[in-house]
């Protein structure tokens, strides 16, 4: 543990590490920020970002949460999942969308213990 340092900036999947275009990374992060701030336009913005950057795992996974049913986004996110973090992220979304909120919150807490910068999963924990 680094003493004297804070958690640092929180970002959805450190998106810039996964996308070569900095503009795309910025737009994905901005769209997810709209989602977690409960902006009523989040679904429209996420849909536009996914249309422009279909290779974004984070945007596809977030879009699946706000546009129901949107199996194409969830399916695309599954194809783009790059590791355990992404698979856990999708598991939380799947359980949440199934309506088992208590289990989704439990899985979310476990996921966040390892990946505390996951904004979408953090947002899920605030949903009833």
N, C-alpha and C. Protein backbone atom coordinates (compact mmCIF):
# COMPACT_ATOMS: atom_id res chain seq x y z
N UNK A 1 0.84 -1.17 0.00
CA UNK A 1 0.00 0.00 0.00
C UNK A 1 0.89 1.24 0.00
N UNK A 2 0.53 2.19 -0.81
CA UNK A 2 1.32 3.43 -0.89
C UNK A 2 0.82 4.39 0.16
N UNK A 3 1.67 4.72 1.07
CA UNK A 3 1.24 5.66 2.10
C UNK A 3 1.35 7.08 1.57
N UNK A 4 0.36 7.88 1.99
CA UNK A 4 0.38 9.28 1.57
C UNK A 4 -0.27 9.54 0.23
N UNK A 5 -0.75 8.51 -0.42
CA UNK A 5 -1.40 8.68 -1.72
C UNK A 5 -2.88 8.38 -1.60
N UNK A 6 -3.68 9.11 -2.33
CA UNK A 6 -5.11 8.84 -2.37
C UNK A 6 -5.39 7.76 -3.40
N UNK A 7 -6.65 7.47 -3.56
CA UNK A 7 -7.05 6.44 -4.51
C UNK A 7 -6.68 6.83 -5.93
N UNK A 8 -6.65 8.09 -6.22
CA UNK A 8 -6.36 8.53 -7.58
C UNK A 8 -7.65 8.70 -8.35
N UNK A 9 -7.56 9.12 -9.58
CA UNK A 9 -8.77 9.38 -10.34
C UNK A 9 -9.52 8.09 -10.63
N UNK A 10 -10.82 8.16 -10.58
CA UNK A 10 -11.66 7.01 -10.87
C UNK A 10 -12.07 7.10 -12.33
N UNK A 11 -11.92 6.01 -13.05
CA UNK A 11 -12.33 6.01 -14.44
C UNK A 11 -12.86 4.64 -14.81
N UNK A 12 -13.83 4.63 -15.70
CA UNK A 12 -14.41 3.36 -16.11
C UNK A 12 -13.39 2.57 -16.90
N UNK A 13 -12.86 1.54 -16.26
CA UNK A 13 -11.90 0.61 -16.86
C UNK A 13 -10.63 1.26 -17.33
N UNK A 14 -10.32 2.42 -16.81
CA UNK A 14 -9.16 3.14 -17.32
C UNK A 14 -9.23 3.06 -18.85
N UNK A 15 -10.38 3.47 -19.36
CA UNK A 15 -10.74 3.27 -20.76
C UNK A 15 -9.63 3.65 -21.73
N UNK A 16 -8.86 4.66 -21.42
CA UNK A 16 -7.80 5.09 -22.34
C UNK A 16 -6.79 3.98 -22.59
N UNK A 17 -6.62 3.06 -21.63
CA UNK A 17 -5.69 1.96 -21.82
C UNK A 17 -6.19 0.99 -22.88
N UNK A 18 -7.51 0.96 -23.09
CA UNK A 18 -8.09 -0.02 -24.00
C UNK A 18 -8.48 0.56 -25.35
N UNK A 19 -8.49 1.86 -25.47
CA UNK A 19 -8.87 2.47 -26.73
C UNK A 19 -7.71 3.32 -27.23
N UNK A 20 -7.39 3.16 -28.48
CA UNK A 20 -6.24 3.87 -29.03
C UNK A 20 -6.55 5.35 -29.31
N UNK A 21 -7.81 5.69 -29.48
CA UNK A 21 -8.21 7.06 -29.79
C UNK A 21 -8.57 7.80 -28.50
N UNK A 22 -7.78 8.80 -28.09
CA UNK A 22 -8.09 9.53 -26.86
C UNK A 22 -9.45 10.20 -26.88
N UNK A 23 -9.90 10.63 -28.04
CA UNK A 23 -11.23 11.24 -28.14
C UNK A 23 -12.31 10.22 -27.82
N UNK A 24 -12.13 9.01 -28.29
CA UNK A 24 -13.09 7.94 -28.00
C UNK A 24 -13.12 7.65 -26.51
N UNK A 25 -11.95 7.55 -25.90
CA UNK A 25 -11.88 7.28 -24.47
C UNK A 25 -12.59 8.38 -23.69
N UNK A 26 -12.38 9.63 -24.08
CA UNK A 26 -13.04 10.74 -23.41
C UNK A 26 -14.55 10.65 -23.55
N UNK A 27 -15.04 10.38 -24.76
CA UNK A 27 -16.48 10.30 -24.98
C UNK A 27 -17.12 9.15 -24.22
N UNK A 28 -16.44 8.01 -24.17
CA UNK A 28 -16.96 6.87 -23.41
C UNK A 28 -17.06 7.24 -21.93
N UNK A 29 -15.99 7.82 -21.41
CA UNK A 29 -15.99 8.21 -20.00
C UNK A 29 -17.09 9.24 -19.73
N UNK A 30 -17.25 10.22 -20.60
CA UNK A 30 -18.28 11.24 -20.42
C UNK A 30 -19.68 10.64 -20.45
N UNK A 31 -19.91 9.69 -21.34
CA UNK A 31 -21.22 9.03 -21.42
C UNK A 31 -21.50 8.24 -20.15
N UNK A 32 -20.50 7.55 -19.64
CA UNK A 32 -20.69 6.78 -18.40
C UNK A 32 -20.91 7.72 -17.22
N UNK A 33 -20.22 8.85 -17.22
CA UNK A 33 -20.45 9.84 -16.16
C UNK A 33 -21.90 10.32 -16.18
N UNK A 34 -22.47 10.47 -17.36
CA UNK A 34 -23.88 10.86 -17.47
C UNK A 34 -24.78 9.78 -16.87
N UNK A 35 -24.44 8.51 -17.14
CA UNK A 35 -25.22 7.40 -16.60
C UNK A 35 -25.21 7.43 -15.08
N UNK A 36 -24.02 7.51 -14.50
CA UNK A 36 -23.92 7.41 -13.03
C UNK A 36 -24.43 8.67 -12.33
N UNK A 37 -24.63 9.75 -13.08
CA UNK A 37 -25.23 10.94 -12.48
C UNK A 37 -26.75 10.98 -12.74
N UNK A 38 -27.28 9.88 -13.26
CA UNK A 38 -28.72 9.73 -13.54
C UNK A 38 -29.25 10.78 -14.51
N UNK A 39 -28.42 11.15 -15.46
CA UNK A 39 -28.84 12.09 -16.51
C UNK A 39 -29.88 11.39 -17.39
N UNK A 40 -31.04 12.00 -17.60
CA UNK A 40 -32.07 11.37 -18.43
C UNK A 40 -31.64 11.17 -19.88
N UNK A 41 -30.61 11.87 -20.32
CA UNK A 41 -30.12 11.71 -21.69
C UNK A 41 -29.01 10.66 -21.82
N UNK A 42 -28.68 9.99 -20.72
CA UNK A 42 -27.58 9.03 -20.74
C UNK A 42 -27.78 7.95 -21.80
N UNK A 43 -28.99 7.43 -21.94
CA UNK A 43 -29.21 6.36 -22.91
C UNK A 43 -28.97 6.84 -24.33
N UNK A 44 -29.40 8.06 -24.64
CA UNK A 44 -29.21 8.62 -25.98
C UNK A 44 -27.72 8.82 -26.25
N UNK A 45 -27.03 9.36 -25.26
CA UNK A 45 -25.60 9.62 -25.42
C UNK A 45 -24.82 8.31 -25.55
N UNK A 46 -25.14 7.34 -24.70
CA UNK A 46 -24.46 6.04 -24.79
C UNK A 46 -24.72 5.37 -26.14
N UNK A 47 -25.96 5.45 -26.63
CA UNK A 47 -26.27 4.85 -27.94
C UNK A 47 -25.44 5.51 -29.04
N UNK A 48 -25.30 6.83 -28.97
CA UNK A 48 -24.49 7.55 -29.97
C UNK A 48 -23.02 7.15 -29.88
N UNK A 49 -22.52 7.01 -28.66
CA UNK A 49 -21.11 6.62 -28.48
C UNK A 49 -20.89 5.20 -28.99
N UNK A 50 -21.82 4.29 -28.70
CA UNK A 50 -21.68 2.91 -29.19
C UNK A 50 -21.77 2.86 -30.71
N UNK A 51 -22.62 3.68 -31.29
CA UNK A 51 -22.71 3.72 -32.75
C UNK A 51 -21.40 4.18 -33.37
N UNK A 52 -20.75 5.14 -32.72
CA UNK A 52 -19.49 5.67 -33.24
C UNK A 52 -18.29 4.78 -32.89
N UNK A 53 -18.33 4.17 -31.71
CA UNK A 53 -17.20 3.35 -31.22
C UNK A 53 -17.72 1.98 -30.76
N UNK A 54 -18.13 1.14 -31.69
CA UNK A 54 -18.72 -0.15 -31.30
C UNK A 54 -17.74 -1.09 -30.60
N UNK A 55 -16.45 -0.76 -30.63
CA UNK A 55 -15.44 -1.60 -29.98
C UNK A 55 -15.27 -1.31 -28.50
N UNK A 56 -16.07 -0.39 -27.97
CA UNK A 56 -15.95 -0.03 -26.55
C UNK A 56 -16.74 -0.99 -25.68
N UNK A 57 -16.03 -1.82 -24.92
CA UNK A 57 -16.68 -2.72 -23.98
C UNK A 57 -17.52 -1.94 -22.98
N UNK A 58 -16.91 -0.93 -22.37
CA UNK A 58 -17.58 -0.18 -21.30
C UNK A 58 -18.86 0.49 -21.78
N UNK A 59 -18.84 1.09 -22.95
CA UNK A 59 -20.03 1.76 -23.47
C UNK A 59 -21.13 0.75 -23.80
N UNK A 60 -20.77 -0.38 -24.39
CA UNK A 60 -21.76 -1.40 -24.70
C UNK A 60 -22.40 -1.96 -23.43
N UNK A 61 -21.56 -2.25 -22.43
CA UNK A 61 -22.08 -2.80 -21.18
C UNK A 61 -23.01 -1.80 -20.50
N UNK A 62 -22.63 -0.53 -20.48
CA UNK A 62 -23.47 0.50 -19.86
C UNK A 62 -24.77 0.68 -20.64
N UNK A 63 -24.69 0.65 -21.95
CA UNK A 63 -25.89 0.82 -22.77
C UNK A 63 -26.89 -0.30 -22.49
N UNK A 64 -26.41 -1.51 -22.28
CA UNK A 64 -27.31 -2.63 -21.98
C UNK A 64 -28.10 -2.38 -20.71
N UNK A 65 -27.56 -1.58 -19.81
CA UNK A 65 -28.26 -1.28 -18.55
C UNK A 65 -29.38 -0.27 -18.71
N UNK A 66 -29.24 0.66 -19.62
CA UNK A 66 -30.19 1.77 -19.69
C UNK A 66 -31.19 1.66 -20.83
N UNK A 67 -30.97 0.77 -21.76
CA UNK A 67 -31.90 0.58 -22.87
C UNK A 67 -32.34 -0.87 -22.85
N UNK A 68 -33.47 -1.11 -22.19
CA UNK A 68 -33.95 -2.48 -22.08
C UNK A 68 -35.10 -2.68 -23.04
N UNK A 69 -35.22 -3.80 -23.69
CA UNK A 69 -34.11 -4.75 -23.80
C UNK A 69 -33.15 -4.31 -24.90
N UNK A 70 -31.91 -4.46 -24.65
CA UNK A 70 -30.90 -4.14 -25.66
C UNK A 70 -29.89 -5.28 -25.72
N UNK A 71 -30.33 -6.45 -26.21
CA UNK A 71 -29.44 -7.62 -26.21
C UNK A 71 -28.23 -7.45 -27.11
N UNK A 72 -28.34 -6.59 -28.14
CA UNK A 72 -27.19 -6.41 -29.02
C UNK A 72 -26.00 -5.82 -28.26
N UNK A 73 -26.25 -4.84 -27.42
CA UNK A 73 -25.17 -4.22 -26.66
C UNK A 73 -24.56 -5.20 -25.67
N UNK A 74 -25.41 -5.96 -25.00
CA UNK A 74 -24.90 -6.94 -24.03
C UNK A 74 -24.12 -8.04 -24.74
N UNK A 75 -24.63 -8.48 -25.87
CA UNK A 75 -23.92 -9.50 -26.65
C UNK A 75 -22.57 -8.98 -27.14
N UNK A 76 -22.56 -7.75 -27.63
CA UNK A 76 -21.30 -7.14 -28.09
C UNK A 76 -20.32 -6.99 -26.93
N UNK A 77 -20.82 -6.58 -25.77
CA UNK A 77 -19.95 -6.45 -24.59
C UNK A 77 -19.34 -7.80 -24.22
N UNK A 78 -20.12 -8.86 -24.33
CA UNK A 78 -19.58 -10.21 -24.03
C UNK A 78 -18.45 -10.56 -25.00
N UNK A 79 -18.62 -10.21 -26.26
CA UNK A 79 -17.59 -10.50 -27.25
C UNK A 79 -16.34 -9.67 -27.01
N UNK A 80 -16.50 -8.46 -26.47
CA UNK A 80 -15.38 -7.56 -26.24
C UNK A 80 -14.70 -7.76 -24.89
N UNK A 81 -15.32 -8.53 -24.01
CA UNK A 81 -14.76 -8.73 -22.66
C UNK A 81 -13.33 -9.23 -22.77
N UNK A 82 -12.43 -8.53 -22.08
CA UNK A 82 -11.00 -8.80 -22.25
C UNK A 82 -10.37 -9.55 -21.08
N UNK A 83 -11.10 -9.89 -20.07
CA UNK A 83 -10.50 -10.58 -18.94
C UNK A 83 -11.48 -10.77 -17.80
N UNK A 84 -10.94 -11.17 -16.67
CA UNK A 84 -11.75 -11.46 -15.50
C UNK A 84 -12.55 -10.22 -15.05
N UNK A 85 -11.93 -9.09 -15.07
CA UNK A 85 -12.61 -7.86 -14.65
C UNK A 85 -13.86 -7.63 -15.49
N UNK A 86 -13.72 -7.74 -16.80
CA UNK A 86 -14.87 -7.54 -17.69
C UNK A 86 -15.93 -8.61 -17.47
N UNK A 87 -15.50 -9.87 -17.30
CA UNK A 87 -16.47 -10.95 -17.07
C UNK A 87 -17.24 -10.74 -15.77
N UNK A 88 -16.55 -10.31 -14.73
CA UNK A 88 -17.23 -10.03 -13.46
C UNK A 88 -18.20 -8.86 -13.63
N UNK A 89 -17.76 -7.84 -14.34
CA UNK A 89 -18.60 -6.67 -14.61
C UNK A 89 -19.90 -7.12 -15.29
N UNK A 90 -19.78 -7.96 -16.29
CA UNK A 90 -20.96 -8.45 -17.01
C UNK A 90 -21.83 -9.34 -16.13
N UNK A 91 -21.22 -10.12 -15.25
CA UNK A 91 -22.00 -10.97 -14.34
C UNK A 91 -22.88 -10.11 -13.44
N UNK A 92 -22.33 -9.01 -12.94
CA UNK A 92 -23.12 -8.10 -12.11
C UNK A 92 -24.28 -7.53 -12.92
N UNK A 93 -24.01 -7.12 -14.14
CA UNK A 93 -25.07 -6.57 -15.00
C UNK A 93 -26.13 -7.62 -15.28
N UNK A 94 -25.72 -8.84 -15.62
CA UNK A 94 -26.69 -9.91 -15.91
C UNK A 94 -27.62 -10.16 -14.73
N UNK A 95 -27.04 -10.27 -13.54
CA UNK A 95 -27.85 -10.54 -12.35
C UNK A 95 -28.76 -9.34 -12.06
N UNK A 96 -28.24 -8.15 -12.21
CA UNK A 96 -29.05 -6.95 -11.98
C UNK A 96 -30.23 -6.90 -12.96
N UNK A 97 -29.96 -7.16 -14.24
CA UNK A 97 -31.03 -7.12 -15.24
C UNK A 97 -32.05 -8.23 -15.04
N UNK A 98 -31.64 -9.33 -14.39
CA UNK A 98 -32.58 -10.42 -14.13
C UNK A 98 -33.56 -10.07 -13.03
N UNK A 99 -33.27 -8.97 -12.31
CA UNK A 99 -34.17 -8.54 -11.25
C UNK A 99 -33.75 -8.96 -9.85
N UNK A 100 -32.66 -9.72 -9.73
CA UNK A 100 -32.18 -10.16 -8.42
C UNK A 100 -31.22 -9.10 -7.86
N UNK A 101 -31.81 -8.00 -7.40
CA UNK A 101 -31.02 -6.85 -6.96
C UNK A 101 -30.12 -7.18 -5.78
N UNK A 102 -30.64 -7.96 -4.83
CA UNK A 102 -29.83 -8.30 -3.64
C UNK A 102 -28.57 -9.05 -4.05
N UNK A 103 -28.72 -10.01 -4.94
CA UNK A 103 -27.55 -10.78 -5.41
C UNK A 103 -26.62 -9.90 -6.24
N UNK A 104 -27.19 -9.02 -7.06
CA UNK A 104 -26.37 -8.11 -7.86
C UNK A 104 -25.54 -7.21 -6.95
N UNK A 105 -26.15 -6.73 -5.88
CA UNK A 105 -25.41 -5.87 -4.94
C UNK A 105 -24.29 -6.65 -4.25
N UNK A 106 -24.55 -7.90 -3.91
CA UNK A 106 -23.51 -8.73 -3.29
C UNK A 106 -22.34 -8.95 -4.27
N UNK A 107 -22.66 -9.33 -5.50
CA UNK A 107 -21.61 -9.51 -6.50
C UNK A 107 -20.87 -8.20 -6.76
N UNK A 108 -21.61 -7.11 -6.77
CA UNK A 108 -21.00 -5.80 -7.00
C UNK A 108 -19.99 -5.47 -5.90
N UNK A 109 -20.38 -5.71 -4.65
CA UNK A 109 -19.45 -5.42 -3.55
C UNK A 109 -18.18 -6.26 -3.67
N UNK A 110 -18.33 -7.53 -4.03
CA UNK A 110 -17.15 -8.39 -4.21
C UNK A 110 -16.28 -7.87 -5.35
N UNK A 111 -16.90 -7.48 -6.45
CA UNK A 111 -16.17 -6.96 -7.60
C UNK A 111 -15.45 -5.66 -7.24
N UNK A 112 -16.14 -4.78 -6.53
CA UNK A 112 -15.56 -3.48 -6.17
C UNK A 112 -14.43 -3.60 -5.16
N UNK A 113 -14.41 -4.67 -4.38
CA UNK A 113 -13.30 -4.88 -3.46
C UNK A 113 -12.00 -5.03 -4.23
N UNK A 114 -12.09 -5.62 -5.42
CA UNK A 114 -10.90 -5.81 -6.25
C UNK A 114 -10.72 -4.71 -7.28
N UNK A 115 -11.83 -4.17 -7.77
CA UNK A 115 -11.78 -3.16 -8.82
C UNK A 115 -12.59 -1.93 -8.39
N UNK A 116 -12.08 -1.15 -7.45
CA UNK A 116 -12.87 -0.05 -6.87
C UNK A 116 -13.15 1.10 -7.83
N UNK A 117 -12.52 1.13 -9.00
CA UNK A 117 -12.75 2.24 -9.93
C UNK A 117 -13.82 1.95 -10.97
N UNK A 118 -14.60 0.89 -10.78
CA UNK A 118 -15.64 0.54 -11.74
C UNK A 118 -16.89 1.37 -11.47
N UNK A 119 -17.06 2.44 -12.22
CA UNK A 119 -18.16 3.37 -12.00
C UNK A 119 -19.53 2.74 -12.23
N UNK A 120 -19.67 1.93 -13.26
CA UNK A 120 -20.97 1.35 -13.57
C UNK A 120 -21.40 0.38 -12.47
N UNK A 121 -20.49 -0.47 -12.02
CA UNK A 121 -20.84 -1.41 -10.95
C UNK A 121 -21.13 -0.64 -9.66
N UNK A 122 -20.38 0.42 -9.39
CA UNK A 122 -20.68 1.27 -8.23
C UNK A 122 -22.08 1.85 -8.35
N UNK A 123 -22.43 2.29 -9.52
CA UNK A 123 -23.76 2.85 -9.76
C UNK A 123 -24.85 1.81 -9.50
N UNK A 124 -24.61 0.57 -9.91
CA UNK A 124 -25.59 -0.50 -9.70
C UNK A 124 -25.89 -0.65 -8.21
N UNK A 125 -24.88 -0.47 -7.36
CA UNK A 125 -25.11 -0.64 -5.93
C UNK A 125 -26.05 0.44 -5.36
N UNK A 126 -26.25 1.51 -6.10
CA UNK A 126 -27.16 2.57 -5.64
C UNK A 126 -28.59 2.38 -6.13
N UNK A 127 -28.79 1.39 -6.97
CA UNK A 127 -30.11 1.16 -7.55
C UNK A 127 -30.92 0.27 -6.62
N UNK A 128 -32.20 0.56 -6.48
CA UNK A 128 -33.06 -0.29 -5.60
C UNK A 128 -33.35 -1.64 -6.24
